[in-house]
Amino acid sequence: MSKVKAVRGATQVEANTPAAISEATQELLLEMLKANELDVEDVISVIFTVSPDLDAAFPASSAREVGFADTPLLCAVEIGVPGALDRVVRILIHCNVKNDGATISHIYLHGAKSLRSDIAK
């Protein structure tokens, strides 16, 4: 029997370019899957948010390139809080896990490790 869980993660993008956003999004997404032993088929939906300074590309577009063609994907912009970390992509994956007691690994990469140093791997 599977159970629905959520996995979160974030990364800081090098620049506001389509290539940088795509590379960072794919790196984070694939690391989240790997760390939680998930396949694309286990994923129910994915929400992507970006800091207000990232507007060169949709993170969901790069997710489709790594196998998420049939998965519901949604992009949104984070609240522009003064002093917040810039160039951040956040991901929230809703998924089915095979083990009810599965420990979820939330992934924070690059400069985004500072967002949740208590759980960053």
Protein backbone atom coordinates (compact mmCIF):
# COMPACT_ATOMS: atom_id res chain seq x y z
CA MET A 1 0.00 0.00 0.00
CA SER A 2 1.33 3.44 -0.84
CA LYS A 3 0.94 6.68 1.06
CA VAL A 4 0.91 10.27 -0.22
CA LYS A 5 3.82 12.43 0.96
CA ALA A 6 5.33 15.78 0.02
CA VAL A 7 8.98 16.49 -0.68
CA ARG A 8 10.33 20.01 -0.76
CA GLY A 9 13.52 21.52 -2.04
CA ALA A 10 15.17 24.69 -3.21
CA THR A 11 18.20 25.83 -5.14
CA GLN A 12 19.82 29.12 -6.01
CA VAL A 13 20.19 29.75 -9.74
CA GLU A 14 23.40 31.29 -11.08
CA ALA A 15 21.68 33.81 -13.39
CA ASN A 16 18.29 34.82 -14.72
CA THR A 17 18.70 32.99 -18.03
CA PRO A 18 16.67 30.14 -19.53
CA ALA A 19 19.73 27.85 -19.48
CA ALA A 20 20.60 28.56 -15.84
CA ILE A 21 17.00 28.15 -14.66
CA SER A 22 16.65 24.90 -16.59
CA GLU A 23 19.94 23.45 -15.36
CA ALA A 24 19.24 24.32 -11.71
CA THR A 25 15.65 23.05 -11.86
CA GLN A 26 16.62 19.74 -13.42
CA GLU A 27 19.50 19.24 -10.98
CA LEU A 28 17.23 19.85 -7.98
CA LEU A 29 14.32 17.81 -9.30
CA LEU A 30 16.50 14.78 -10.13
CA GLU A 31 18.27 14.98 -6.76
CA MET A 32 14.91 15.07 -4.96
CA LEU A 33 13.79 11.95 -6.83
CA LYS A 34 17.07 10.13 -6.21
CA ALA A 35 17.27 10.98 -2.50
CA ASN A 36 13.72 9.73 -1.95
CA GLU A 37 13.94 6.70 -4.25
CA LEU A 38 11.10 8.01 -6.43
CA ASP A 39 10.31 7.37 -10.05
CA VAL A 40 8.44 9.90 -12.19
CA GLU A 41 5.44 7.52 -12.06
CA ASP A 42 5.31 7.99 -8.25
CA VAL A 43 4.81 11.74 -8.63
CA ILE A 44 1.24 13.07 -8.40
CA SER A 45 2.00 16.75 -9.07
CA VAL A 46 4.75 19.33 -8.74
CA ILE A 47 4.57 22.98 -7.73
CA PHE A 48 7.47 25.23 -8.70
CA THR A 49 7.96 28.71 -7.31
CA VAL A 50 10.58 31.26 -8.24
CA SER A 51 11.79 34.40 -6.53
CA PRO A 52 10.48 37.54 -8.27
CA ASP A 53 13.84 38.17 -9.96
CA LEU A 54 13.63 34.94 -12.03
CA ASP A 55 11.50 35.54 -15.10
CA ALA A 56 13.54 34.20 -18.02
CA ALA A 57 11.90 30.74 -18.12
CA PHE A 58 9.27 28.50 -16.56
CA PRO A 59 10.86 25.80 -14.34
CA ALA A 60 8.08 23.39 -15.38
CA SER A 61 9.36 23.47 -18.97
CA SER A 62 12.67 21.96 -17.91
CA ALA A 63 10.87 19.32 -15.82
CA ARG A 64 9.10 18.10 -18.94
CA GLU A 65 12.51 17.54 -20.54
CA VAL A 66 13.42 14.98 -17.85
CA GLY A 67 10.26 12.89 -18.01
CA PHE A 68 7.43 14.90 -16.45
CA ALA A 69 5.42 15.24 -19.67
CA ASP A 70 2.23 13.73 -18.19
CA THR A 71 2.58 15.08 -14.63
CA PRO A 72 0.52 18.12 -13.55
CA LEU A 73 3.00 20.99 -13.08
CA LEU A 74 2.36 24.51 -11.77
CA CYS A 75 4.62 27.57 -11.58
CA ALA A 76 4.16 30.59 -9.31
CA VAL A 77 6.13 33.56 -8.03
CA GLU A 78 7.14 33.80 -4.37
CA ILE A 79 6.31 36.86 -2.29
CA GLY A 80 8.97 39.54 -2.77
CA VAL A 81 10.04 39.91 0.86
CA PRO A 82 12.78 42.53 1.26
CA GLY A 83 16.14 40.92 2.01
CA ALA A 84 15.06 37.44 0.90
CA LEU A 85 17.55 35.25 -0.94
CA ASP A 86 17.55 36.04 -4.65
CA ARG A 87 17.43 33.73 -7.71
CA VAL A 88 15.71 30.86 -5.89
CA VAL A 89 13.68 28.02 -7.41
CA ARG A 90 11.59 26.05 -4.93
CA ILE A 91 9.94 22.72 -5.66
CA LEU A 92 7.17 20.88 -3.83
CA ILE A 93 6.57 17.32 -5.05
CA HIS A 94 3.39 15.44 -4.08
CA CYS A 95 4.09 11.73 -4.46
CA ASN A 96 3.16 8.19 -3.57
CA VAL A 97 5.71 6.39 -1.41
CA LYS A 98 5.76 2.62 -1.26
CA ASN A 99 6.77 2.44 2.40
CA ASP A 100 4.28 4.11 4.78
CA GLY A 101 7.05 4.89 7.23
CA ALA A 102 9.35 6.31 4.58
CA THR A 103 11.62 9.09 5.76
CA ILE A 104 11.45 12.03 3.40
CA SER A 105 14.67 13.81 2.43
CA HIS A 106 14.11 17.47 1.66
CA ILE A 107 16.85 18.82 -0.62
CA TYR A 108 18.44 22.27 -0.55
CA LEU A 109 21.27 23.00 -2.97
CA HIS A 110 23.85 25.73 -3.46
CA GLY A 111 23.00 29.07 -1.80
CA ALA A 112 19.53 27.81 -0.89
CA LYS A 113 21.06 25.63 1.83
CA SER A 114 20.90 28.75 3.99
CA LEU A 115 17.09 28.73 3.76
CA ARG A 116 16.79 25.57 5.84
CA SER A 117 20.18 24.78 7.34
CA ASP A 118 18.35 22.58 9.87
CA ILE A 119 17.31 20.08 7.18
CA ALA A 120 19.59 20.82 4.20
CA LYS A 121 21.46 17.74 3.00
